[in-house]
ModelCIF file with pLDDT and N, C-alpha, C, O atoms, coordinates in Angstrom:
data_MODEL
#
_entry.id   MODEL 
#
_entity.id                         1 
_entity.type                       polymer 
_entity.pdbx_number_of_molecules   1 
#
_entity_poly.entity_id                      1 
_entity_poly.type                           'polypeptide(L)' 
_entity_poly.nstd_linkage                   no 
_entity_poly.nstd_monomer                   no 
_entity_poly.pdbx_seq_one_letter_code       PLMLVMLVLVTAYTVFKKDWGQQPKERTLSTVKKIAFVGAFAAIGF 
_entity_poly.pdbx_seq_one_letter_code_can   PLMLVMLVLVTAYTVFKKDWGQQPKERTLSTVKKIAFVGAFAAIGF 
_entity_poly.pdbx_strand_id                 A 
#
loop_
_entity_poly_seq.entity_id 
_entity_poly_seq.num 
_entity_poly_seq.mon_id 
_entity_poly_seq.hetero 
1 1  PRO n 
1 2  LEU n 
1 3  MET n 
1 4  LEU n 
1 5  VAL n 
1 6  MET n 
1 7  LEU n 
1 8  VAL n 
1 9  LEU n 
1 10 VAL n 
1 11 THR n 
1 12 ALA n 
1 13 TYR n 
1 14 THR n 
1 15 VAL n 
1 16 PHE n 
1 17 LYS n 
1 18 LYS n 
1 19 ASP n 
1 20 TRP n 
1 21 GLY n 
1 22 GLN n 
1 23 GLN n 
1 24 PRO n 
1 25 LYS n 
1 26 GLU n 
1 27 ARG n 
1 28 THR n 
1 29 LEU n 
1 30 SER n 
1 31 THR n 
1 32 VAL n 
1 33 LYS n 
1 34 LYS n 
1 35 ILE n 
1 36 ALA n 
1 37 PHE n 
1 38 VAL n 
1 39 GLY n 
1 40 ALA n 
1 41 PHE n 
1 42 ALA n 
1 43 ALA n 
1 44 ILE n 
1 45 GLY n 
1 46 PHE n 
#
_struct_asym.id          A 
_struct_asym.entity_id   1 
#
loop_
_ma_qa_metric.id 
_ma_qa_metric.mode 
_ma_qa_metric.name 
_ma_qa_metric.software_group_id 
_ma_qa_metric.type 
1 global pLDDT . pLDDT 
2 local  pLDDT . pLDDT 
#
_ma_qa_metric_global.metric_id      1 
_ma_qa_metric_global.metric_value   88.89 
_ma_qa_metric_global.model_id       1 
_ma_qa_metric_global.ordinal_id     1 
#
loop_
_ma_qa_metric_local.label_asym_id 
_ma_qa_metric_local.label_comp_id 
_ma_qa_metric_local.label_seq_id 
_ma_qa_metric_local.metric_id 
_ma_qa_metric_local.metric_value 
_ma_qa_metric_local.model_id 
_ma_qa_metric_local.ordinal_id 
A PRO 1  2 89.00 1 1  
A LEU 2  2 86.00 1 2  
A MET 3  2 88.00 1 3  
A LEU 4  2 90.00 1 4  
A VAL 5  2 91.00 1 5  
A MET 6  2 89.00 1 6  
A LEU 7  2 91.00 1 7  
A VAL 8  2 93.00 1 8  
A LEU 9  2 91.00 1 9  
A VAL 10 2 89.00 1 10 
A THR 11 2 91.00 1 11 
A ALA 12 2 92.00 1 12 
A TYR 13 2 88.00 1 13 
A THR 14 2 86.00 1 14 
A VAL 15 2 87.00 1 15 
A PHE 16 2 89.00 1 16 
A LYS 17 2 83.00 1 17 
A LYS 18 2 79.00 1 18 
A ASP 19 2 78.00 1 19 
A TRP 20 2 72.00 1 20 
A GLY 21 2 72.00 1 21 
A GLN 22 2 74.00 1 22 
A GLN 23 2 74.00 1 23 
A PRO 24 2 75.00 1 24 
A LYS 25 2 81.00 1 25 
A GLU 26 2 77.00 1 26 
A ARG 27 2 81.00 1 27 
A THR 28 2 86.00 1 28 
A LEU 29 2 88.00 1 29 
A SER 30 2 93.00 1 30 
A THR 31 2 95.00 1 31 
A VAL 32 2 97.00 1 32 
A LYS 33 2 94.00 1 33 
A LYS 34 2 94.00 1 34 
A ILE 35 2 96.00 1 35 
A ALA 36 2 97.00 1 36 
A PHE 37 2 96.00 1 37 
A VAL 38 2 97.00 1 38 
A GLY 39 2 98.00 1 39 
A ALA 40 2 98.00 1 40 
A PHE 41 2 98.00 1 41 
A ALA 42 2 98.00 1 42 
A ALA 43 2 97.00 1 43 
A ILE 44 2 97.00 1 44 
A GLY 45 2 97.00 1 45 
A PHE 46 2 97.00 1 46 
#
loop_
_atom_site.group_PDB 
_atom_site.id 
_atom_site.type_symbol 
_atom_site.label_atom_id 
_atom_site.label_alt_id 
_atom_site.label_comp_id 
_atom_site.label_asym_id 
_atom_site.label_entity_id 
_atom_site.label_seq_id 
_atom_site.pdbx_PDB_ins_code 
_atom_site.Cartn_x 
_atom_site.Cartn_y 
_atom_site.Cartn_z 
_atom_site.occupancy 
_atom_site.B_iso_or_equiv 
_atom_site.pdbx_formal_charge 
_atom_site.auth_seq_id 
_atom_site.auth_comp_id 
_atom_site.auth_asym_id 
_atom_site.auth_atom_id 
_atom_site.pdbx_PDB_model_num 
ATOM 1   N N  . PRO A 1 1  ? 2.509   18.757  4.477   1.00 89.00 ? 1  PRO A N  1 
ATOM 2   C CA . PRO A 1 1  ? 2.592   18.026  5.755   1.00 89.00 ? 1  PRO A CA 1 
ATOM 3   C C  . PRO A 1 1  ? 1.976   16.572  5.138   1.00 89.00 ? 1  PRO A C  1 
ATOM 4   O O  . PRO A 1 1  ? 2.791   15.655  5.236   1.00 89.00 ? 1  PRO A O  1 
ATOM 5   N N  . LEU A 1 2  ? 0.692   16.200  4.525   1.00 86.00 ? 2  LEU A N  1 
ATOM 6   C CA . LEU A 1 2  ? 0.301   15.030  4.797   1.00 86.00 ? 2  LEU A CA 1 
ATOM 7   C C  . LEU A 1 2  ? 1.134   13.792  3.760   1.00 86.00 ? 2  LEU A C  1 
ATOM 8   O O  . LEU A 1 2  ? 0.807   12.609  3.664   1.00 86.00 ? 2  LEU A O  1 
ATOM 9   N N  . MET A 1 3  ? 2.182   14.428  3.113   1.00 88.00 ? 3  MET A N  1 
ATOM 10  C CA . MET A 1 3  ? 2.853   13.685  2.028   1.00 88.00 ? 3  MET A CA 1 
ATOM 11  C C  . MET A 1 3  ? 3.893   13.427  2.981   1.00 88.00 ? 3  MET A C  1 
ATOM 12  O O  . MET A 1 3  ? 4.220   12.243  2.906   1.00 88.00 ? 3  MET A O  1 
ATOM 13  N N  . LEU A 1 4  ? 4.528   14.042  3.828   1.00 90.00 ? 4  LEU A N  1 
ATOM 14  C CA . LEU A 1 4  ? 5.510   13.437  4.833   1.00 90.00 ? 4  LEU A CA 1 
ATOM 15  C C  . LEU A 1 4  ? 5.298   12.851  5.430   1.00 90.00 ? 4  LEU A C  1 
ATOM 16  O O  . LEU A 1 4  ? 6.155   12.132  5.943   1.00 90.00 ? 4  LEU A O  1 
ATOM 17  N N  . VAL A 1 5  ? 3.710   12.769  5.819   1.00 91.00 ? 5  VAL A N  1 
ATOM 18  C CA . VAL A 1 5  ? 3.546   11.496  7.087   1.00 91.00 ? 5  VAL A CA 1 
ATOM 19  C C  . VAL A 1 5  ? 3.347   10.651  6.595   1.00 91.00 ? 5  VAL A C  1 
ATOM 20  O O  . VAL A 1 5  ? 3.120   9.700   7.343   1.00 91.00 ? 5  VAL A O  1 
ATOM 21  N N  . MET A 1 6  ? 3.295   10.419  5.400   1.00 89.00 ? 6  MET A N  1 
ATOM 22  C CA . MET A 1 6  ? 2.587   9.367   4.339   1.00 89.00 ? 6  MET A CA 1 
ATOM 23  C C  . MET A 1 6  ? 3.887   8.320   4.215   1.00 89.00 ? 6  MET A C  1 
ATOM 24  O O  . MET A 1 6  ? 4.097   7.136   4.480   1.00 89.00 ? 6  MET A O  1 
ATOM 25  N N  . LEU A 1 7  ? 4.482   9.216   3.771   1.00 91.00 ? 7  LEU A N  1 
ATOM 26  C CA . LEU A 1 7  ? 5.915   9.238   3.246   1.00 91.00 ? 7  LEU A CA 1 
ATOM 27  C C  . LEU A 1 7  ? 6.646   8.400   4.508   1.00 91.00 ? 7  LEU A C  1 
ATOM 28  O O  . LEU A 1 7  ? 7.233   7.381   4.144   1.00 91.00 ? 7  LEU A O  1 
ATOM 29  N N  . VAL A 1 8  ? 6.690   8.732   6.090   1.00 93.00 ? 8  VAL A N  1 
ATOM 30  C CA . VAL A 1 8  ? 7.160   8.231   6.917   1.00 93.00 ? 8  VAL A CA 1 
ATOM 31  C C  . VAL A 1 8  ? 6.871   7.317   6.994   1.00 93.00 ? 8  VAL A C  1 
ATOM 32  O O  . VAL A 1 8  ? 7.790   6.499   6.961   1.00 93.00 ? 8  VAL A O  1 
ATOM 33  N N  . LEU A 1 9  ? 5.137   6.639   7.182   1.00 91.00 ? 9  LEU A N  1 
ATOM 34  C CA . LEU A 1 9  ? 4.561   5.821   7.727   1.00 91.00 ? 9  LEU A CA 1 
ATOM 35  C C  . LEU A 1 9  ? 4.893   5.070   6.809   1.00 91.00 ? 9  LEU A C  1 
ATOM 36  O O  . LEU A 1 9  ? 5.430   4.123   7.383   1.00 91.00 ? 9  LEU A O  1 
ATOM 37  N N  . VAL A 1 10 ? 4.925   4.806   5.256   1.00 89.00 ? 10 VAL A N  1 
ATOM 38  C CA . VAL A 1 10 ? 5.278   3.885   4.415   1.00 89.00 ? 10 VAL A CA 1 
ATOM 39  C C  . VAL A 1 10 ? 6.746   3.401   4.019   1.00 89.00 ? 10 VAL A C  1 
ATOM 40  O O  . VAL A 1 10 ? 7.026   2.472   3.260   1.00 89.00 ? 10 VAL A O  1 
ATOM 41  N N  . THR A 1 11 ? 7.790   4.409   4.842   1.00 91.00 ? 11 THR A N  1 
ATOM 42  C CA . THR A 1 11 ? 8.834   4.210   5.343   1.00 91.00 ? 11 THR A CA 1 
ATOM 43  C C  . THR A 1 11 ? 9.411   2.582   6.092   1.00 91.00 ? 11 THR A C  1 
ATOM 44  O O  . THR A 1 11 ? 9.995   1.542   5.789   1.00 91.00 ? 11 THR A O  1 
ATOM 45  N N  . ALA A 1 12 ? 8.542   3.511   7.618   1.00 92.00 ? 12 ALA A N  1 
ATOM 46  C CA . ALA A 1 12 ? 8.775   2.902   8.704   1.00 92.00 ? 12 ALA A CA 1 
ATOM 47  C C  . ALA A 1 12 ? 8.127   1.310   8.605   1.00 92.00 ? 12 ALA A C  1 
ATOM 48  O O  . ALA A 1 12 ? 8.510   0.280   9.160   1.00 92.00 ? 12 ALA A O  1 
ATOM 49  N N  . TYR A 1 13 ? 6.980   1.551   7.660   1.00 88.00 ? 13 TYR A N  1 
ATOM 50  C CA . TYR A 1 13 ? 6.305   -0.043  7.073   1.00 88.00 ? 13 TYR A CA 1 
ATOM 51  C C  . TYR A 1 13 ? 7.293   -0.598  7.042   1.00 88.00 ? 13 TYR A C  1 
ATOM 52  O O  . TYR A 1 13 ? 7.798   -1.364  7.862   1.00 88.00 ? 13 TYR A O  1 
ATOM 53  N N  . THR A 1 14 ? 7.636   -0.243  6.082   1.00 86.00 ? 14 THR A N  1 
ATOM 54  C CA . THR A 1 14 ? 8.962   -1.150  4.903   1.00 86.00 ? 14 THR A CA 1 
ATOM 55  C C  . THR A 1 14 ? 10.216  -1.855  5.579   1.00 86.00 ? 14 THR A C  1 
ATOM 56  O O  . THR A 1 14 ? 10.649  -2.981  5.332   1.00 86.00 ? 14 THR A O  1 
ATOM 57  N N  . VAL A 1 15 ? 10.810  -0.703  6.707   1.00 87.00 ? 15 VAL A N  1 
ATOM 58  C CA . VAL A 1 15 ? 11.791  -1.050  7.178   1.00 87.00 ? 15 VAL A CA 1 
ATOM 59  C C  . VAL A 1 15 ? 12.085  -2.123  7.972   1.00 87.00 ? 15 VAL A C  1 
ATOM 60  O O  . VAL A 1 15 ? 13.035  -2.896  7.858   1.00 87.00 ? 15 VAL A O  1 
ATOM 61  N N  . PHE A 1 16 ? 10.570  -2.118  9.375   1.00 89.00 ? 16 PHE A N  1 
ATOM 62  C CA . PHE A 1 16 ? 10.258  -2.846  10.293  1.00 89.00 ? 16 PHE A CA 1 
ATOM 63  C C  . PHE A 1 16 ? 9.794   -4.434  9.264   1.00 89.00 ? 16 PHE A C  1 
ATOM 64  O O  . PHE A 1 16 ? 10.292  -5.491  9.652   1.00 89.00 ? 16 PHE A O  1 
ATOM 65  N N  . LYS A 1 17 ? 9.131   -4.452  8.379   1.00 83.00 ? 17 LYS A N  1 
ATOM 66  C CA . LYS A 1 17 ? 8.587   -5.726  8.046   1.00 83.00 ? 17 LYS A CA 1 
ATOM 67  C C  . LYS A 1 17 ? 9.781   -5.994  6.733   1.00 83.00 ? 17 LYS A C  1 
ATOM 68  O O  . LYS A 1 17 ? 9.737   -5.620  5.561   1.00 83.00 ? 17 LYS A O  1 
ATOM 69  N N  . LYS A 1 18 ? 10.770  -6.748  7.429   1.00 79.00 ? 18 LYS A N  1 
ATOM 70  C CA . LYS A 1 18 ? 12.206  -6.637  6.495   1.00 79.00 ? 18 LYS A CA 1 
ATOM 71  C C  . LYS A 1 18 ? 12.112  -7.931  5.289   1.00 79.00 ? 18 LYS A C  1 
ATOM 72  O O  . LYS A 1 18 ? 12.936  -8.128  4.396   1.00 79.00 ? 18 LYS A O  1 
ATOM 73  N N  . ASP A 1 19 ? 10.486  -8.961  5.645   1.00 78.00 ? 19 ASP A N  1 
ATOM 74  C CA . ASP A 1 19 ? 10.867  -10.130 4.460   1.00 78.00 ? 19 ASP A CA 1 
ATOM 75  C C  . ASP A 1 19 ? 9.390   -9.954  3.422   1.00 78.00 ? 19 ASP A C  1 
ATOM 76  O O  . ASP A 1 19 ? 9.000   -10.777 2.594   1.00 78.00 ? 19 ASP A O  1 
ATOM 77  N N  . TRP A 1 20 ? 8.730   -8.585  3.780   1.00 72.00 ? 20 TRP A N  1 
ATOM 78  C CA . TRP A 1 20 ? 7.803   -8.123  3.014   1.00 72.00 ? 20 TRP A CA 1 
ATOM 79  C C  . TRP A 1 20 ? 8.739   -7.844  1.731   1.00 72.00 ? 20 TRP A C  1 
ATOM 80  O O  . TRP A 1 20 ? 9.908   -7.481  1.599   1.00 72.00 ? 20 TRP A O  1 
ATOM 81  N N  . GLY A 1 21 ? 7.375   -8.283  0.571   1.00 72.00 ? 21 GLY A N  1 
ATOM 82  C CA . GLY A 1 21 ? 7.828   -7.671  -1.038  1.00 72.00 ? 21 GLY A CA 1 
ATOM 83  C C  . GLY A 1 21 ? 9.454   -8.170  -1.766  1.00 72.00 ? 21 GLY A C  1 
ATOM 84  O O  . GLY A 1 21 ? 10.099  -7.734  -2.719  1.00 72.00 ? 21 GLY A O  1 
ATOM 85  N N  . GLN A 1 22 ? 9.735   -9.519  -0.568  1.00 74.00 ? 22 GLN A N  1 
ATOM 86  C CA . GLN A 1 22 ? 11.020  -10.296 -1.170  1.00 74.00 ? 22 GLN A CA 1 
ATOM 87  C C  . GLN A 1 22 ? 10.706  -11.461 -1.965  1.00 74.00 ? 22 GLN A C  1 
ATOM 88  O O  . GLN A 1 22 ? 11.604  -12.109 -2.503  1.00 74.00 ? 22 GLN A O  1 
ATOM 89  N N  . GLN A 1 23 ? 8.791   -11.939 -2.131  1.00 74.00 ? 23 GLN A N  1 
ATOM 90  C CA . GLN A 1 23 ? 8.629   -13.161 -2.854  1.00 74.00 ? 23 GLN A CA 1 
ATOM 91  C C  . GLN A 1 23 ? 7.418   -12.459 -3.063  1.00 74.00 ? 23 GLN A C  1 
ATOM 92  O O  . GLN A 1 23 ? 6.762   -11.995 -2.130  1.00 74.00 ? 23 GLN A O  1 
ATOM 93  N N  . PRO A 1 24 ? 7.106   -12.367 -4.225  1.00 75.00 ? 24 PRO A N  1 
ATOM 94  C CA . PRO A 1 24 ? 5.519   -12.384 -4.814  1.00 75.00 ? 24 PRO A CA 1 
ATOM 95  C C  . PRO A 1 24 ? 4.257   -13.437 -4.368  1.00 75.00 ? 24 PRO A C  1 
ATOM 96  O O  . PRO A 1 24 ? 4.159   -14.600 -4.760  1.00 75.00 ? 24 PRO A O  1 
ATOM 97  N N  . LYS A 1 25 ? 3.317   -12.738 -3.451  1.00 81.00 ? 25 LYS A N  1 
ATOM 98  C CA . LYS A 1 25 ? 2.674   -13.772 -3.220  1.00 81.00 ? 25 LYS A CA 1 
ATOM 99  C C  . LYS A 1 25 ? 1.034   -13.116 -3.565  1.00 81.00 ? 25 LYS A C  1 
ATOM 100 O O  . LYS A 1 25 ? 0.436   -12.097 -3.220  1.00 81.00 ? 25 LYS A O  1 
ATOM 101 N N  . GLU A 1 26 ? 0.675   -14.425 -4.519  1.00 77.00 ? 26 GLU A N  1 
ATOM 102 C CA . GLU A 1 26 ? -0.786  -14.319 -5.580  1.00 77.00 ? 26 GLU A CA 1 
ATOM 103 C C  . GLU A 1 26 ? -1.610  -14.312 -3.650  1.00 77.00 ? 26 GLU A C  1 
ATOM 104 O O  . GLU A 1 26 ? -1.086  -14.616 -2.578  1.00 77.00 ? 26 GLU A O  1 
ATOM 105 N N  . ARG A 1 27 ? -3.024  -13.827 -3.974  1.00 81.00 ? 27 ARG A N  1 
ATOM 106 C CA . ARG A 1 27 ? -3.094  -12.670 -3.329  1.00 81.00 ? 27 ARG A CA 1 
ATOM 107 C C  . ARG A 1 27 ? -4.424  -13.004 -4.101  1.00 81.00 ? 27 ARG A C  1 
ATOM 108 O O  . ARG A 1 27 ? -4.530  -12.797 -5.310  1.00 81.00 ? 27 ARG A O  1 
ATOM 109 N N  . THR A 1 28 ? -5.703  -13.674 -3.123  1.00 86.00 ? 28 THR A N  1 
ATOM 110 C CA . THR A 1 28 ? -7.632  -12.957 -4.053  1.00 86.00 ? 28 THR A CA 1 
ATOM 111 C C  . THR A 1 28 ? -7.752  -12.277 -2.652  1.00 86.00 ? 28 THR A C  1 
ATOM 112 O O  . THR A 1 28 ? -7.510  -12.378 -1.450  1.00 86.00 ? 28 THR A O  1 
ATOM 113 N N  . LEU A 1 29 ? -8.508  -11.209 -4.041  1.00 88.00 ? 29 LEU A N  1 
ATOM 114 C CA . LEU A 1 29 ? -8.884  -10.280 -3.567  1.00 88.00 ? 29 LEU A CA 1 
ATOM 115 C C  . LEU A 1 29 ? -10.645 -9.821  -3.116  1.00 88.00 ? 29 LEU A C  1 
ATOM 116 O O  . LEU A 1 29 ? -11.340 -9.860  -4.131  1.00 88.00 ? 29 LEU A O  1 
ATOM 117 N N  . SER A 1 30 ? -11.523 -9.378  -1.735  1.00 93.00 ? 30 SER A N  1 
ATOM 118 C CA . SER A 1 30 ? -12.543 -9.746  -2.264  1.00 93.00 ? 30 SER A CA 1 
ATOM 119 C C  . SER A 1 30 ? -12.987 -8.182  -3.498  1.00 93.00 ? 30 SER A C  1 
ATOM 120 O O  . SER A 1 30 ? -12.234 -7.372  -4.038  1.00 93.00 ? 30 SER A O  1 
ATOM 121 N N  . THR A 1 31 ? -14.186 -8.296  -3.531  1.00 95.00 ? 31 THR A N  1 
ATOM 122 C CA . THR A 1 31 ? -15.131 -7.184  -4.123  1.00 95.00 ? 31 THR A CA 1 
ATOM 123 C C  . THR A 1 31 ? -14.850 -5.818  -3.650  1.00 95.00 ? 31 THR A C  1 
ATOM 124 O O  . THR A 1 31 ? -14.572 -4.805  -4.292  1.00 95.00 ? 31 THR A O  1 
ATOM 125 N N  . VAL A 1 32 ? -15.029 -6.082  -1.933  1.00 97.00 ? 32 VAL A N  1 
ATOM 126 C CA . VAL A 1 32 ? -14.414 -4.694  -1.406  1.00 97.00 ? 32 VAL A CA 1 
ATOM 127 C C  . VAL A 1 32 ? -13.611 -4.235  -1.735  1.00 97.00 ? 32 VAL A C  1 
ATOM 128 O O  . VAL A 1 32 ? -13.523 -3.049  -2.054  1.00 97.00 ? 32 VAL A O  1 
ATOM 129 N N  . LYS A 1 33 ? -12.304 -5.528  -1.765  1.00 94.00 ? 33 LYS A N  1 
ATOM 130 C CA . LYS A 1 33 ? -10.469 -4.684  -1.448  1.00 94.00 ? 33 LYS A CA 1 
ATOM 131 C C  . LYS A 1 33 ? -10.719 -4.180  -2.614  1.00 94.00 ? 33 LYS A C  1 
ATOM 132 O O  . LYS A 1 33 ? -10.698 -2.952  -2.691  1.00 94.00 ? 33 LYS A O  1 
ATOM 133 N N  . LYS A 1 34 ? -11.021 -4.972  -3.832  1.00 94.00 ? 34 LYS A N  1 
ATOM 134 C CA . LYS A 1 34 ? -10.920 -4.217  -5.164  1.00 94.00 ? 34 LYS A CA 1 
ATOM 135 C C  . LYS A 1 34 ? -11.427 -3.225  -5.481  1.00 94.00 ? 34 LYS A C  1 
ATOM 136 O O  . LYS A 1 34 ? -11.183 -2.587  -6.506  1.00 94.00 ? 34 LYS A O  1 
ATOM 137 N N  . ILE A 1 35 ? -11.917 -3.059  -4.950  1.00 96.00 ? 35 ILE A N  1 
ATOM 138 C CA . ILE A 1 35 ? -12.827 -0.938  -5.296  1.00 96.00 ? 35 ILE A CA 1 
ATOM 139 C C  . ILE A 1 35 ? -12.055 -0.342  -4.329  1.00 96.00 ? 35 ILE A C  1 
ATOM 140 O O  . ILE A 1 35 ? -11.691 0.825   -4.471  1.00 96.00 ? 35 ILE A O  1 
ATOM 141 N N  . ALA A 1 36 ? -11.592 -1.355  -2.823  1.00 97.00 ? 36 ALA A N  1 
ATOM 142 C CA . ALA A 1 36 ? -10.427 0.026   -2.298  1.00 97.00 ? 36 ALA A CA 1 
ATOM 143 C C  . ALA A 1 36 ? -9.096  -0.027  -2.819  1.00 97.00 ? 36 ALA A C  1 
ATOM 144 O O  . ALA A 1 36 ? -8.295  0.835   -2.458  1.00 97.00 ? 36 ALA A O  1 
ATOM 145 N N  . PHE A 1 37 ? -8.726  -0.995  -3.683  1.00 96.00 ? 37 PHE A N  1 
ATOM 146 C CA . PHE A 1 37 ? -7.637  -0.717  -3.833  1.00 96.00 ? 37 PHE A CA 1 
ATOM 147 C C  . PHE A 1 37 ? -7.897  0.483   -5.322  1.00 96.00 ? 37 PHE A C  1 
ATOM 148 O O  . PHE A 1 37 ? -7.322  1.569   -5.406  1.00 96.00 ? 37 PHE A O  1 
ATOM 149 N N  . VAL A 1 38 ? -8.849  -0.048  -6.328  1.00 97.00 ? 38 VAL A N  1 
ATOM 150 C CA . VAL A 1 38 ? -8.860  0.942   -7.238  1.00 97.00 ? 38 VAL A CA 1 
ATOM 151 C C  . VAL A 1 38 ? -8.744  2.031   -6.356  1.00 97.00 ? 38 VAL A C  1 
ATOM 152 O O  . VAL A 1 38 ? -7.573  2.351   -6.147  1.00 97.00 ? 38 VAL A O  1 
ATOM 153 N N  . GLY A 1 39 ? -9.793  2.856   -5.638  1.00 98.00 ? 39 GLY A N  1 
ATOM 154 C CA . GLY A 1 39 ? -9.935  3.808   -5.580  1.00 98.00 ? 39 GLY A CA 1 
ATOM 155 C C  . GLY A 1 39 ? -8.326  4.859   -4.646  1.00 98.00 ? 39 GLY A C  1 
ATOM 156 O O  . GLY A 1 39 ? -7.987  6.032   -4.489  1.00 98.00 ? 39 GLY A O  1 
ATOM 157 N N  . ALA A 1 40 ? -7.885  3.647   -4.326  1.00 98.00 ? 40 ALA A N  1 
ATOM 158 C CA . ALA A 1 40 ? -6.652  3.898   -3.395  1.00 98.00 ? 40 ALA A CA 1 
ATOM 159 C C  . ALA A 1 40 ? -5.251  4.869   -5.071  1.00 98.00 ? 40 ALA A C  1 
ATOM 160 O O  . ALA A 1 40 ? -4.495  5.832   -5.194  1.00 98.00 ? 40 ALA A O  1 
ATOM 161 N N  . PHE A 1 41 ? -5.794  3.655   -5.910  1.00 98.00 ? 41 PHE A N  1 
ATOM 162 C CA . PHE A 1 41 ? -4.720  3.876   -6.975  1.00 98.00 ? 41 PHE A CA 1 
ATOM 163 C C  . PHE A 1 41 ? -5.647  5.411   -7.438  1.00 98.00 ? 41 PHE A C  1 
ATOM 164 O O  . PHE A 1 41 ? -4.786  6.271   -7.248  1.00 98.00 ? 41 PHE A O  1 
ATOM 165 N N  . ALA A 1 42 ? -6.639  5.988   -7.821  1.00 98.00 ? 42 ALA A N  1 
ATOM 166 C CA . ALA A 1 42 ? -7.513  7.095   -8.513  1.00 98.00 ? 42 ALA A CA 1 
ATOM 167 C C  . ALA A 1 42 ? -7.117  8.124   -7.160  1.00 98.00 ? 42 ALA A C  1 
ATOM 168 O O  . ALA A 1 42 ? -7.319  9.334   -7.263  1.00 98.00 ? 42 ALA A O  1 
ATOM 169 N N  . ALA A 1 43 ? -6.757  7.759   -6.372  1.00 97.00 ? 43 ALA A N  1 
ATOM 170 C CA . ALA A 1 43 ? -6.387  9.056   -5.595  1.00 97.00 ? 43 ALA A CA 1 
ATOM 171 C C  . ALA A 1 43 ? -4.469  9.028   -5.154  1.00 97.00 ? 43 ALA A C  1 
ATOM 172 O O  . ALA A 1 43 ? -4.006  9.774   -4.291  1.00 97.00 ? 43 ALA A O  1 
ATOM 173 N N  . ILE A 1 44 ? -3.851  8.302   -5.734  1.00 97.00 ? 44 ILE A N  1 
ATOM 174 C CA . ILE A 1 44 ? -2.748  8.443   -5.890  1.00 97.00 ? 44 ILE A CA 1 
ATOM 175 C C  . ILE A 1 44 ? -2.458  9.433   -6.809  1.00 97.00 ? 44 ILE A C  1 
ATOM 176 O O  . ILE A 1 44 ? -1.791  10.452  -6.635  1.00 97.00 ? 44 ILE A O  1 
ATOM 177 N N  . GLY A 1 45 ? -3.245  8.884   -8.201  1.00 97.00 ? 45 GLY A N  1 
ATOM 178 C CA . GLY A 1 45 ? -3.435  9.868   -9.322  1.00 97.00 ? 45 GLY A CA 1 
ATOM 179 C C  . GLY A 1 45 ? -3.385  10.816  -9.309  1.00 97.00 ? 45 GLY A C  1 
ATOM 180 O O  . GLY A 1 45 ? -2.700  11.564  -10.006 1.00 97.00 ? 45 GLY A O  1 
ATOM 181 N N  . PHE A 1 46 ? -4.180  11.068  -8.420  1.00 97.00 ? 46 PHE A N  1 
ATOM 182 C CA . PHE A 1 46 ? -5.343  13.051  -8.687  1.00 97.00 ? 46 PHE A CA 1 
ATOM 183 C C  . PHE A 1 46 ? -4.020  13.357  -7.754  1.00 97.00 ? 46 PHE A C  1 
ATOM 184 O O  . PHE A 1 46 ? -3.808  14.496  -7.337  1.00 97.00 ? 46 PHE A O  1 
#
């Protein structure tokens, strides 16, 4: 059930944000955001 909800949210966000991901945008991430992303990637690995 969690996977289904997450996929619906990911898809909806992508559909409604039409220009998202069309061009690369170099972003400088704070240390807190870097840690959050690493944690999210590890969670997806799990």
